[in-house]
Amino acid sequence: VNDNDGHIELKRGLCAVLETIESSGSFLTQDLGLGLAIPGLNIAGLGNIRLPISADDAKAITQCCDRSPYGKGSETLVDESVRKTWQLDPGQFSLQNPLWQQQMDDVVDDAVTGLGLIAQPDEVQAELYKLLIYEEGAFFLPHQDTEKADGMFATLVVCLPSKHEGGTLVASHRGWKIAWSTASSSEFSFSWAAWYADVIHEVRPVTSGYRVALVYNLIHRPLVGLGISGVQTDKLTHLLESWVSDCSGNGQSDHSAWDHHINGDCPPALVYVLEHQYTVAELSFDRLKGVDQVRFGELQKACQGLDFDLYLANIEKT
């Protein structure tokens, strides 16, 4: 496609409008110092664990744990130079307080709001994944979470009362960083954070004590279409109309989307790079994340009635 003035202005105009459409949330959301009812943590072989978790109890729990692995491509490896953490699978412990799940439903609602995801309340569930213990010197180098279940879009971590220092989680996305430090409220309070699965994050070394956390997979399985109000739809529609006009003016009113013979004034297609990354399994319009979801919603409205098609694709650049 020729980079003539009309083509460049069309691209600049669409990018400028899309970039003004922002999400109501962030790539990481958190809350500290919460007073929640105890989960009723019971560990096979140890019994009920009191809160706040004492150093002796935390050490005893580690004796029941396995070292946490990490994913490297299609492999799952244990390498303490990359990740040094203890873990229990859900089959090795239980949360016996029935009030805990009710509280978690409220936490999930807050997490969805904080992440800026547009979803009905009953469309998002938290599936318990692991219990993790970070002892002194434990850490996890920068990484992305694996999408471990159909519909998983984010990770939710709830830190239990257990005094520690260090262990700050630092998340970064497209040049921005957010830190989640649990140490200051760790002895007597709960805290939680949630972040999108494609966000790069790390856990800095714990310098003393034990950081004990419940890890949940946040699952979104949409039941209805997007209900997004249009803020910039009219501007997008106007730009797309100018694209149609350029094509019609060049005798190409019945053009194919990938027709290489279209005049340079009328590009056959434009590619817009999304803010988040998606696996092949999760690449669908109803599973877009955050600002991608909002921008698609408005762009979809603008395309309706103008004979434009929207496609999602993974691009690999080498």
C-alpha atoms as a PDB file:
ATOM      1  CA  VAL A   1       0.000   0.000   0.000  1.00  0.00           C
ATOM      2  CA  ASN A   2       1.379   3.402  -0.971  1.00  0.00           C
ATOM      3  CA  ASP A   3       1.990   5.837   1.878  1.00  0.00           C
ATOM      4  CA  ASN A   4       0.341   8.789   0.187  1.00  0.00           C
ATOM      5  CA  ASP A   5      -1.113  11.691   2.178  1.00  0.00           C
ATOM      6  CA  GLY A   6      -4.698  10.387   2.228  1.00  0.00           C
ATOM      7  CA  HIS A   7      -3.650   6.968   3.476  1.00  0.00           C
ATOM      8  CA  ILE A   8      -1.409   8.419   6.199  1.00  0.00           C
ATOM      9  CA  GLU A   9      -4.118  10.777   7.401  1.00  0.00           C
ATOM     10  CA  LEU A  10      -6.631   7.925   7.593  1.00  0.00           C
ATOM     11  CA  LYS A  11      -4.248   5.871   9.715  1.00  0.00           C
ATOM     12  CA  ARG A  12      -3.357   8.801  11.945  1.00  0.00           C
ATOM     13  CA  GLY A  13      -6.996   9.715  12.401  1.00  0.00           C
ATOM     14  CA  LEU A  14      -8.078   6.199  13.375  1.00  0.00           C
ATOM     15  CA  CYS A  15      -5.125   5.777  15.771  1.00  0.00           C
ATOM     16  CA  ALA A  16      -5.739   9.170  17.365  1.00  0.00           C
ATOM     17  CA  VAL A  17      -9.404   8.431  18.032  1.00  0.00           C
ATOM     18  CA  LEU A  18      -8.806   4.878  19.266  1.00  0.00           C
ATOM     19  CA  GLU A  19      -6.110   6.062  21.664  1.00  0.00           C
ATOM     20  CA  THR A  20      -8.543   8.494  23.292  1.00  0.00           C
ATOM     21  CA  ILE A  21     -10.775   5.532  24.220  1.00  0.00           C
ATOM     22  CA  GLU A  22      -9.493   4.380  27.592  1.00  0.00           C
ATOM     23  CA  SER A  23     -10.388   1.605  29.986  1.00  0.00           C
ATOM     24  CA  SER A  24     -11.923   2.414  33.349  1.00  0.00           C
ATOM     25  CA  GLY A  25      -9.345   0.110  35.002  1.00  0.00           C
ATOM     26  CA  SER A  26      -5.677  -0.831  34.991  1.00  0.00           C
ATOM     27  CA  PHE A  27      -3.548  -3.872  34.147  1.00  0.00           C
ATOM     28  CA  LEU A  28      -3.142  -4.514  37.902  1.00  0.00           C
ATOM     29  CA  THR A  29      -5.581  -3.700  40.700  1.00  0.00           C
ATOM     30  CA  GLN A  30      -5.101  -4.219  44.438  1.00  0.00           C
ATOM     31  CA  ASP A  31      -6.390  -3.657  47.951  1.00  0.00           C
ATOM     32  CA  LEU A  32      -4.421  -3.730  51.205  1.00  0.00           C
ATOM     33  CA  GLY A  33      -5.145  -4.067  54.905  1.00  0.00           C
ATOM     34  CA  LEU A  34      -8.461  -5.891  54.634  1.00  0.00           C
ATOM     35  CA  GLY A  35     -10.296  -7.305  57.620  1.00  0.00           C
ATOM     36  CA  LEU A  36     -11.856 -10.497  56.266  1.00  0.00           C
ATOM     37  CA  ALA A  37     -13.275 -13.531  58.009  1.00  0.00           C
ATOM     38  CA  ILE A  38     -10.690 -16.295  58.242  1.00  0.00           C
ATOM     39  CA  PRO A  39     -10.740 -18.853  55.401  1.00  0.00           C
ATOM     40  CA  GLY A  40     -10.538 -21.853  57.735  1.00  0.00           C
ATOM     41  CA  LEU A  41      -7.296 -23.119  56.224  1.00  0.00           C
ATOM     42  CA  ASN A  42      -6.908 -26.841  56.845  1.00  0.00           C
ATOM     43  CA  ILE A  43      -3.871 -28.719  55.572  1.00  0.00           C
ATOM     44  CA  ALA A  44      -3.776 -32.486  55.217  1.00  0.00           C
ATOM     45  CA  GLY A  45      -1.500 -33.899  57.905  1.00  0.00           C
ATOM     46  CA  LEU A  46      -1.421 -30.650  59.921  1.00  0.00           C
ATOM     47  CA  GLY A  47      -5.066 -29.770  60.541  1.00  0.00           C
ATOM     48  CA  ASN A  48      -6.403 -26.240  61.047  1.00  0.00           C
ATOM     49  CA  ILE A  49      -3.927 -23.382  60.688  1.00  0.00           C
ATOM     50  CA  ARG A  50      -4.434 -20.357  62.931  1.00  0.00           C
ATOM     51  CA  LEU A  51      -4.178 -16.796  61.683  1.00  0.00           C
ATOM     52  CA  PRO A  52      -1.966 -14.868  61.683  1.00  0.00           C
ATOM     53  CA  ILE A  53       0.245 -17.742  60.554  1.00  0.00           C
ATOM     54  CA  SER A  54       3.162 -18.141  62.940  1.00  0.00           C
ATOM     55  CA  ALA A  55       6.698 -18.811  61.754  1.00  0.00           C
ATOM     56  CA  ASP A  56       6.528 -22.312  63.267  1.00  0.00           C
ATOM     57  CA  ASP A  57       3.285 -23.125  61.430  1.00  0.00           C
ATOM     58  CA  ALA A  58       4.606 -21.701  58.171  1.00  0.00           C
ATOM     59  CA  LYS A  59       7.732 -23.817  58.475  1.00  0.00           C
ATOM     60  CA  ALA A  60       5.603 -26.892  59.198  1.00  0.00           C
ATOM     61  CA  ILE A  61       3.501 -26.179  56.106  1.00  0.00           C
ATOM     62  CA  THR A  62       6.614 -26.088  53.919  1.00  0.00           C
ATOM     63  CA  GLN A  63       7.378 -29.645  55.032  1.00  0.00           C
ATOM     64  CA  CYS A  64       4.166 -30.698  53.241  1.00  0.00           C
ATOM     65  CA  CYS A  65       4.934 -28.661  50.116  1.00  0.00           C
ATOM     66  CA  ASP A  66       6.689 -29.215  46.822  1.00  0.00           C
ATOM     67  CA  ARG A  67       8.964 -26.751  45.084  1.00  0.00           C
ATOM     68  CA  SER A  68       7.027 -24.605  42.612  1.00  0.00           C
ATOM     69  CA  PRO A  69       7.829 -25.156  38.932  1.00  0.00           C
ATOM     70  CA  TYR A  70       7.607 -22.603  36.145  1.00  0.00           C
ATOM     71  CA  GLY A  71       6.645 -22.888  32.493  1.00  0.00           C
ATOM     72  CA  LYS A  72       9.276 -22.626  29.777  1.00  0.00           C
ATOM     73  CA  GLY A  73       7.660 -23.125  26.381  1.00  0.00           C
ATOM     74  CA  SER A  74       5.941 -26.499  26.478  1.00  0.00           C
ATOM     75  CA  GLU A  75       8.044 -27.629  29.475  1.00  0.00           C
ATOM     76  CA  THR A  76       7.431 -27.318  33.214  1.00  0.00           C
ATOM     77  CA  LEU A  77      10.700 -26.986  35.123  1.00  0.00           C
ATOM     78  CA  VAL A  78      11.899 -26.629  38.695  1.00  0.00           C
ATOM     79  CA  ASP A  79      14.844 -24.229  38.836  1.00  0.00           C
ATOM     80  CA  GLU A  80      15.519 -22.322  42.055  1.00  0.00           C
ATOM     81  CA  SER A  81      17.595 -19.740  40.170  1.00  0.00           C
ATOM     82  CA  VAL A  82      14.369 -18.688  38.399  1.00  0.00           C
ATOM     83  CA  ARG A  83      11.667 -19.426  40.981  1.00  0.00           C
ATOM     84  CA  LYS A  84      12.183 -20.287  44.621  1.00  0.00           C
ATOM     85  CA  THR A  85       8.784 -20.962  46.209  1.00  0.00           C
ATOM     86  CA  TRP A  86       6.880 -23.717  48.011  1.00  0.00           C
ATOM     87  CA  GLN A  87       3.403 -24.786  46.866  1.00  0.00           C
ATOM     88  CA  LEU A  88       0.397 -26.903  47.773  1.00  0.00           C
ATOM     89  CA  ASP A  89      -2.205 -28.085  45.261  1.00  0.00           C
ATOM     90  CA  PRO A  90      -5.927 -27.689  46.160  1.00  0.00           C
ATOM     91  CA  GLY A  91      -6.150 -31.417  46.884  1.00  0.00           C
ATOM     92  CA  GLN A  92      -3.658 -30.934  49.743  1.00  0.00           C
ATOM     93  CA  PHE A  93      -5.602 -28.270  51.642  1.00  0.00           C
ATOM     94  CA  SER A  94      -9.134 -26.937  52.090  1.00  0.00           C
ATOM     95  CA  LEU A  95     -10.833 -23.664  53.046  1.00  0.00           C
ATOM     96  CA  GLN A  96     -13.527 -24.694  55.518  1.00  0.00           C
ATOM     97  CA  ASN A  97     -15.242 -21.402  56.364  1.00  0.00           C
ATOM     98  CA  PRO A  98     -18.368 -21.090  54.145  1.00  0.00           C
ATOM     99  CA  LEU A  99     -18.204 -17.291  54.501  1.00  0.00           C
ATOM    100  CA  TRP A 100     -14.873 -17.272  52.689  1.00  0.00           C
ATOM    101  CA  GLN A 101     -16.397 -17.960  49.278  1.00  0.00           C
ATOM    102  CA  GLN A 102     -18.970 -15.202  49.796  1.00  0.00           C
ATOM    103  CA  GLN A 103     -16.144 -12.790  50.535  1.00  0.00           C
ATOM    104  CA  MET A 104     -14.251 -14.004  47.489  1.00  0.00           C
ATOM    105  CA  ASP A 105     -17.263 -13.235  45.304  1.00  0.00           C
ATOM    106  CA  ASP A 106     -17.043  -9.615  46.488  1.00  0.00           C
ATOM    107  CA  VAL A 107     -13.273  -9.558  45.896  1.00  0.00           C
ATOM    108  CA  VAL A 108     -13.782 -10.880  42.359  1.00  0.00           C
ATOM    109  CA  ASP A 109     -16.331  -8.139  41.652  1.00  0.00           C
ATOM    110  CA  ASP A 110     -13.832  -5.521  42.868  1.00  0.00           C
ATOM    111  CA  ALA A 111     -11.052  -7.098  40.791  1.00  0.00           C
ATOM    112  CA  VAL A 112     -13.172  -7.085  37.621  1.00  0.00           C
ATOM    113  CA  THR A 113     -14.014  -3.411  38.200  1.00  0.00           C
ATOM    114  CA  GLY A 114     -10.388  -2.521  38.935  1.00  0.00           C
ATOM    115  CA  LEU A 115      -9.174  -4.269  35.784  1.00  0.00           C
ATOM    116  CA  GLY A 116     -11.772  -2.448  33.696  1.00  0.00           C
ATOM    117  CA  LEU A 117     -13.320  -5.635  32.337  1.00  0.00           C
ATOM    118  CA  ILE A 118     -16.905  -5.302  31.157  1.00  0.00           C
ATOM    119  CA  ALA A 119     -18.702  -8.456  32.286  1.00  0.00           C
ATOM    120  CA  GLN A 120     -21.880  -9.575  33.985  1.00  0.00           C
ATOM    121  CA  PRO A 121     -21.331 -10.573  37.656  1.00  0.00           C
ATOM    122  CA  ASP A 122     -22.101 -14.253  37.040  1.00  0.00           C
ATOM    123  CA  GLU A 123     -19.764 -14.452  34.025  1.00  0.00           C
ATOM    124  CA  VAL A 124     -16.529 -14.326  36.072  1.00  0.00           C
ATOM    125  CA  GLN A 125     -15.428 -16.996  38.540  1.00  0.00           C
ATOM    126  CA  ALA A 126     -12.326 -17.476  40.675  1.00  0.00           C
ATOM    127  CA  GLU A 127     -10.941 -21.013  40.544  1.00  0.00           C
ATOM    128  CA  LEU A 128      -8.560 -21.909  43.383  1.00  0.00           C
ATOM    129  CA  TYR A 129      -5.191 -22.865  41.894  1.00  0.00           C
ATOM    130  CA  LYS A 130      -2.453 -23.068  44.553  1.00  0.00           C
ATOM    131  CA  LEU A 131      -1.296 -22.084  48.004  1.00  0.00           C
ATOM    132  CA  LEU A 132       2.172 -20.540  47.814  1.00  0.00           C
ATOM    133  CA  ILE A 133       4.712 -19.912  50.566  1.00  0.00           C
ATOM    134  CA  TYR A 134       7.628 -17.557  50.079  1.00  0.00           C
ATOM    135  CA  GLU A 135      10.175 -18.026  52.864  1.00  0.00           C
ATOM    136  CA  GLU A 136      13.214 -15.825  53.446  1.00  0.00           C
ATOM    137  CA  GLY A 137      15.172 -15.586  50.177  1.00  0.00           C
ATOM    138  CA  ALA A 138      12.250 -16.783  48.036  1.00  0.00           C
ATOM    139  CA  PHE A 139      11.471 -14.953  44.776  1.00  0.00           C
ATOM    140  CA  PHE A 140      10.163 -15.340  41.219  1.00  0.00           C
ATOM    141  CA  LEU A 141      11.940 -13.693  38.275  1.00  0.00           C
ATOM    142  CA  PRO A 142       9.944 -11.665  35.669  1.00  0.00           C
ATOM    143  CA  HIS A 143       7.465 -13.838  33.791  1.00  0.00           C
ATOM    144  CA  GLN A 144       3.965 -14.060  32.341  1.00  0.00           C
ATOM    145  CA  ASP A 145       1.269 -16.330  33.738  1.00  0.00           C
ATOM    146  CA  THR A 146       0.175 -19.337  31.737  1.00  0.00           C
ATOM    147  CA  GLU A 147      -3.530 -19.358  30.876  1.00  0.00           C
ATOM    148  CA  LYS A 148      -4.318 -22.571  32.705  1.00  0.00           C
ATOM    149  CA  ALA A 149      -8.029 -22.948  31.950  1.00  0.00           C
ATOM    150  CA  ASP A 150     -10.521 -22.115  29.236  1.00  0.00           C
ATOM    151  CA  GLY A 151     -11.509 -18.485  29.659  1.00  0.00           C
ATOM    152  CA  MET A 152      -8.692 -17.547  32.053  1.00  0.00           C
ATOM    153  CA  PHE A 153      -7.857 -13.876  31.613  1.00  0.00           C
ATOM    154  CA  ALA A 154      -6.205 -12.875  34.893  1.00  0.00           C
ATOM    155  CA  THR A 155      -4.632 -14.049  38.140  1.00  0.00           C
ATOM    156  CA  LEU A 156      -5.947 -13.156  41.599  1.00  0.00           C
ATOM    157  CA  VAL A 157      -3.675 -13.528  44.641  1.00  0.00           C
ATOM    158  CA  VAL A 158      -4.878 -13.185  48.243  1.00  0.00           C
ATOM    159  CA  CYS A 159      -2.160 -12.823  50.871  1.00  0.00           C
ATOM    160  CA  LEU A 160      -3.053 -14.320  54.263  1.00  0.00           C
ATOM    161  CA  PRO A 161      -1.975 -12.686  57.541  1.00  0.00           C
ATOM    162  CA  SER A 162       1.627 -13.825  57.990  1.00  0.00           C
ATOM    163  CA  LYS A 163       4.315 -11.350  58.986  1.00  0.00           C
ATOM    164  CA  HIS A 164       7.043 -10.807  56.415  1.00  0.00           C
ATOM    165  CA  GLU A 165       9.312  -8.203  54.885  1.00  0.00           C
ATOM    166  CA  GLY A 166      10.074  -7.870  51.187  1.00  0.00           C
ATOM    167  CA  GLY A 167       8.216 -10.012  48.672  1.00  0.00           C
ATOM    168  CA  THR A 168       6.936  -7.024  46.697  1.00  0.00           C
ATOM    169  CA  LEU A 169       5.266  -7.920  43.403  1.00  0.00           C
ATOM    170  CA  VAL A 170       6.161  -5.569  40.538  1.00  0.00           C
ATOM    171  CA  ALA A 171       4.081  -5.675  37.355  1.00  0.00           C
ATOM    172  CA  SER A 172       4.955  -3.932  34.104  1.00  0.00           C
ATOM    173  CA  HIS A 173       2.955  -3.401  30.930  1.00  0.00           C
ATOM    174  CA  ARG A 174       3.787  -1.260  27.898  1.00  0.00           C
ATOM    175  CA  GLY A 175       6.253   0.919  29.795  1.00  0.00           C
ATOM    176  CA  TRP A 176       4.197   1.297  33.005  1.00  0.00           C
ATOM    177  CA  LYS A 177       4.999  -0.314  36.364  1.00  0.00           C
ATOM    178  CA  ILE A 178       2.823  -0.957  39.419  1.00  0.00           C
ATOM    179  CA  ALA A 179       4.112  -2.364  42.732  1.00  0.00           C
ATOM    180  CA  TRP A 180       2.058  -4.420  45.190  1.00  0.00           C
ATOM    181  CA  SER A 181       3.780  -4.452  48.569  1.00  0.00           C
ATOM    182  CA  THR A 182       2.105  -6.603  51.223  1.00  0.00           C
ATOM    183  CA  ALA A 183       4.714  -6.347  53.991  1.00  0.00           C
ATOM    184  CA  SER A 184       3.319  -3.320  55.841  1.00  0.00           C
ATOM    185  CA  SER A 185      -0.064  -4.943  56.539  1.00  0.00           C
ATOM    186  CA  SER A 186       1.079  -8.562  56.540  1.00  0.00           C
ATOM    187  CA  GLU A 187       0.875  -9.464  60.236  1.00  0.00           C
ATOM    188  CA  PHE A 188      -2.816  -8.915  60.927  1.00  0.00           C
ATOM    189  CA  SER A 189      -4.521  -8.121  57.608  1.00  0.00           C
ATOM    190  CA  PHE A 190      -5.431  -9.686  54.282  1.00  0.00           C
ATOM    191  CA  SER A 191      -4.548  -8.088  50.955  1.00  0.00           C
ATOM    192  CA  TRP A 192      -5.200  -8.993  47.343  1.00  0.00           C
ATOM    193  CA  ALA A 193      -4.132  -8.084  43.841  1.00  0.00           C
ATOM    194  CA  ALA A 194      -5.276  -9.115  40.365  1.00  0.00           C
ATOM    195  CA  TRP A 195      -3.526  -8.650  37.027  1.00  0.00           C
ATOM    196  CA  TYR A 196      -4.087  -9.664  33.423  1.00  0.00           C
ATOM    197  CA  ALA A 197      -2.391 -12.930  32.464  1.00  0.00           C
ATOM    198  CA  ASP A 198      -0.189 -11.363  29.774  1.00  0.00           C
ATOM    199  CA  VAL A 199       1.314  -8.798  32.175  1.00  0.00           C
ATOM    200  CA  ILE A 200       5.029  -9.246  32.959  1.00  0.00           C
ATOM    201  CA  HIS A 201       5.535  -9.448  36.727  1.00  0.00           C
ATOM    202  CA  GLU A 202       8.041 -10.583  39.324  1.00  0.00           C
ATOM    203  CA  VAL A 203       8.117 -11.245  43.063  1.00  0.00           C
ATOM    204  CA  ARG A 204      11.110  -9.595  44.712  1.00  0.00           C
ATOM    205  CA  PRO A 205      12.955 -11.630  47.396  1.00  0.00           C
ATOM    206  CA  VAL A 206      11.373 -12.019  50.819  1.00  0.00           C
ATOM    207  CA  THR A 207      13.889 -10.670  53.356  1.00  0.00           C
ATOM    208  CA  SER A 208      12.285 -12.095  56.509  1.00  0.00           C
ATOM    209  CA  GLY A 209       9.263 -14.080  57.630  1.00  0.00           C
ATOM    210  CA  TYR A 210       6.849 -15.999  55.414  1.00  0.00           C
ATOM    211  CA  ARG A 211       4.621 -14.619  52.656  1.00  0.00           C
ATOM    212  CA  VAL A 212       1.633 -16.981  52.347  1.00  0.00           C
ATOM    213  CA  ALA A 213      -0.789 -16.551  49.453  1.00  0.00           C
ATOM    214  CA  LEU A 214      -3.812 -18.192  47.872  1.00  0.00           C
ATOM    215  CA  VAL A 215      -3.687 -18.076  44.065  1.00  0.00           C
ATOM    216  CA  TYR A 216      -6.850 -18.087  41.945  1.00  0.00           C
ATOM    217  CA  ASN A 217      -7.372 -18.205  38.185  1.00  0.00           C
ATOM    218  CA  LEU A 218      -9.942 -15.637  37.087  1.00  0.00           C
ATOM    219  CA  ILE A 219     -12.185 -17.164  34.423  1.00  0.00           C
ATOM    220  CA  HIS A 220     -14.435 -15.169  32.073  1.00  0.00           C
ATOM    221  CA  ARG A 221     -17.013 -17.086  30.064  1.00  0.00           C
ATOM    222  CA  PRO A 222     -19.307 -14.475  28.465  1.00  0.00           C
ATOM    223  CA  LEU A 223     -23.018 -15.177  28.262  1.00  0.00           C
ATOM    224  CA  VAL A 224     -24.110 -12.085  26.317  1.00  0.00           C
ATOM    225  CA  GLY A 225     -22.603  -9.603  23.870  1.00  0.00           C
ATOM    226  CA  LEU A 226     -20.688  -6.497  24.873  1.00  0.00           C
ATOM    227  CA  GLY A 227     -22.738  -3.669  26.334  1.00  0.00           C
ATOM    228  CA  ILE A 228     -20.364  -0.788  25.592  1.00  0.00           C
ATOM    229  CA  SER A 229     -21.597   2.784  25.340  1.00  0.00           C
ATOM    230  CA  GLY A 230     -20.130   4.686  22.397  1.00  0.00           C
ATOM    231  CA  VAL A 231     -18.087   7.771  23.246  1.00  0.00           C
ATOM    232  CA  GLN A 232     -16.089   8.108  20.042  1.00  0.00           C
ATOM    233  CA  THR A 233     -18.252   5.992  17.724  1.00  0.00           C
ATOM    234  CA  ASP A 234     -19.356   8.998  15.643  1.00  0.00           C
ATOM    235  CA  LYS A 235     -15.747  10.046  14.995  1.00  0.00           C
ATOM    236  CA  LEU A 236     -14.775   6.512  14.019  1.00  0.00           C
ATOM    237  CA  THR A 237     -17.811   6.268  11.736  1.00  0.00           C
ATOM    238  CA  HIS A 238     -16.831   9.540  10.020  1.00  0.00           C
ATOM    239  CA  LEU A 239     -13.295   8.271   9.365  1.00  0.00           C
ATOM    240  CA  LEU A 240     -14.567   4.966   8.003  1.00  0.00           C
ATOM    241  CA  GLU A 241     -17.034   6.832   5.774  1.00  0.00           C
ATOM    242  CA  SER A 242     -14.126   8.782   4.278  1.00  0.00           C
ATOM    243  CA  TRP A 243     -12.410   5.463   3.555  1.00  0.00           C
ATOM    244  CA  VAL A 244     -15.554   4.219   1.771  1.00  0.00           C
ATOM    245  CA  SER A 245     -15.764   7.497  -0.123  1.00  0.00           C
ATOM    246  CA  ASP A 246     -12.165   7.205  -1.336  1.00  0.00           C
ATOM    247  CA  CYS A 247     -12.766   3.677  -2.576  1.00  0.00           C
ATOM    248  CA  SER A 248     -16.056   4.603  -4.264  1.00  0.00           C
ATOM    249  CA  GLY A 249     -14.445   7.583  -5.941  1.00  0.00           C
ATOM    250  CA  ASN A 250     -11.887   5.299  -7.536  1.00  0.00           C
ATOM    251  CA  GLY A 251     -14.489   2.944  -8.943  1.00  0.00           C
ATOM    252  CA  GLN A 252     -13.823   0.343  -6.278  1.00  0.00           C
ATOM    253  CA  SER A 253     -17.185   0.263  -4.504  1.00  0.00           C
ATOM    254  CA  ASP A 254     -17.316  -3.519  -4.782  1.00  0.00           C
ATOM    255  CA  HIS A 255     -13.720  -4.110  -3.668  1.00  0.00           C
ATOM    256  CA  SER A 256     -12.373  -7.148  -1.845  1.00  0.00           C
ATOM    257  CA  ALA A 257     -10.729  -6.543   1.538  1.00  0.00           C
ATOM    258  CA  TRP A 258      -7.402  -7.888   0.275  1.00  0.00           C
ATOM    259  CA  ASP A 259      -7.514  -6.622  -3.328  1.00  0.00           C
ATOM    260  CA  HIS A 260      -3.954  -5.513  -4.120  1.00  0.00           C
ATOM    261  CA  HIS A 261      -5.125  -3.554  -7.168  1.00  0.00           C
ATOM    262  CA  ILE A 262      -6.994  -0.921  -5.172  1.00  0.00           C
ATOM    263  CA  ASN A 263      -5.636   2.562  -5.696  1.00  0.00           C
ATOM    264  CA  GLY A 264      -3.170   3.786  -3.064  1.00  0.00           C
ATOM    265  CA  ASP A 265      -5.760   6.273  -1.790  1.00  0.00           C
ATOM    266  CA  CYS A 266      -7.822   3.357  -0.531  1.00  0.00           C
ATOM    267  CA  PRO A 267      -5.861   0.826   1.540  1.00  0.00           C
ATOM    268  CA  PRO A 268      -7.312  -2.699   1.312  1.00  0.00           C
ATOM    269  CA  ALA A 269      -6.880  -3.196   5.061  1.00  0.00           C
ATOM    270  CA  LEU A 270      -5.376  -1.544   8.129  1.00  0.00           C
ATOM    271  CA  VAL A 271      -3.802  -3.346  11.080  1.00  0.00           C
ATOM    272  CA  TYR A 272      -4.180  -2.025  14.622  1.00  0.00           C
ATOM    273  CA  VAL A 273      -1.993  -3.578  17.337  1.00  0.00           C
ATOM    274  CA  LEU A 274      -3.859  -4.381  20.562  1.00  0.00           C
ATOM    275  CA  GLU A 275      -2.604  -3.424  24.016  1.00  0.00           C
ATOM    276  CA  HIS A 276      -2.655  -6.988  25.378  1.00  0.00           C
ATOM    277  CA  GLN A 277      -1.295 -10.295  24.123  1.00  0.00           C
ATOM    278  CA  TYR A 278      -3.521 -13.311  23.443  1.00  0.00           C
ATOM    279  CA  THR A 279      -2.916 -17.009  22.978  1.00  0.00           C
ATOM    280  CA  VAL A 280      -4.519 -18.712  20.000  1.00  0.00           C
ATOM    281  CA  ALA A 281      -7.087 -20.286  22.343  1.00  0.00           C
ATOM    282  CA  GLU A 282      -8.095 -16.914  23.833  1.00  0.00           C
ATOM    283  CA  LEU A 283      -8.033 -14.850  20.620  1.00  0.00           C
ATOM    284  CA  SER A 284     -11.720 -14.021  20.251  1.00  0.00           C
ATOM    285  CA  PHE A 285     -13.800 -10.843  20.338  1.00  0.00           C
ATOM    286  CA  ASP A 286     -15.689 -11.832  23.485  1.00  0.00           C
ATOM    287  CA  ARG A 287     -12.464 -12.433  25.447  1.00  0.00           C
ATOM    288  CA  LEU A 288     -10.647  -9.185  24.819  1.00  0.00           C
ATOM    289  CA  LYS A 289      -9.065  -7.548  27.866  1.00  0.00           C
ATOM    290  CA  GLY A 290      -9.333  -4.079  29.336  1.00  0.00           C
ATOM    291  CA  VAL A 291      -8.912  -1.244  26.861  1.00  0.00           C
ATOM    292  CA  ASP A 292      -8.899  -3.671  23.906  1.00  0.00           C
ATOM    293  CA  GLN A 293     -12.443  -4.670  24.832  1.00  0.00           C
ATOM    294  CA  VAL A 294     -13.663  -1.061  24.953  1.00  0.00           C
ATOM    295  CA  ARG A 295     -11.958   0.005  21.713  1.00  0.00           C
ATOM    296  CA  PHE A 296     -13.257  -3.029  19.854  1.00  0.00           C
ATOM    297  CA  GLY A 297     -16.783  -2.341  21.093  1.00  0.00           C
ATOM    298  CA  GLU A 298     -16.791   1.165  19.650  1.00  0.00           C
ATOM    299  CA  LEU A 299     -15.033   0.135  16.439  1.00  0.00           C
ATOM    300  CA  GLN A 300     -17.561  -2.650  15.936  1.00  0.00           C
ATOM    301  CA  LYS A 301     -20.436  -0.170  16.215  1.00  0.00           C
ATOM    302  CA  ALA A 302     -18.776   2.146  13.710  1.00  0.00           C
ATOM    303  CA  CYS A 303     -18.271  -0.702  11.240  1.00  0.00           C
ATOM    304  CA  GLN A 304     -21.905  -1.754  11.308  1.00  0.00           C
ATOM    305  CA  GLY A 305     -23.701  -0.636   8.165  1.00  0.00           C
ATOM    306  CA  LEU A 306     -20.494   0.474   6.392  1.00  0.00           C
ATOM    307  CA  ASP A 307     -19.548  -2.885   4.877  1.00  0.00           C
ATOM    308  CA  PHE A 308     -16.362  -3.184   6.938  1.00  0.00           C
ATOM    309  CA  ASP A 309     -15.157  -6.461   8.420  1.00  0.00           C
ATOM    310  CA  LEU A 310     -13.141  -6.850  11.617  1.00  0.00           C
ATOM    311  CA  TYR A 311     -10.675  -9.692  12.093  1.00  0.00           C
ATOM    312  CA  LEU A 312      -8.404 -10.816  14.933  1.00  0.00           C
ATOM    313  CA  ALA A 313      -5.024 -12.309  14.165  1.00  0.00           C
ATOM    314  CA  ASN A 314      -1.731 -13.122  15.845  1.00  0.00           C
ATOM    315  CA  ILE A 315       1.209 -11.334  14.224  1.00  0.00           C
ATOM    316  CA  GLU A 316       4.701 -12.747  14.512  1.00  0.00           C
ATOM    317  CA  LYS A 317       7.484 -10.335  13.590  1.00  0.00           C
ATOM    318  CA  THR A 318      11.033 -11.580  13.051  1.00  0.00           C
END
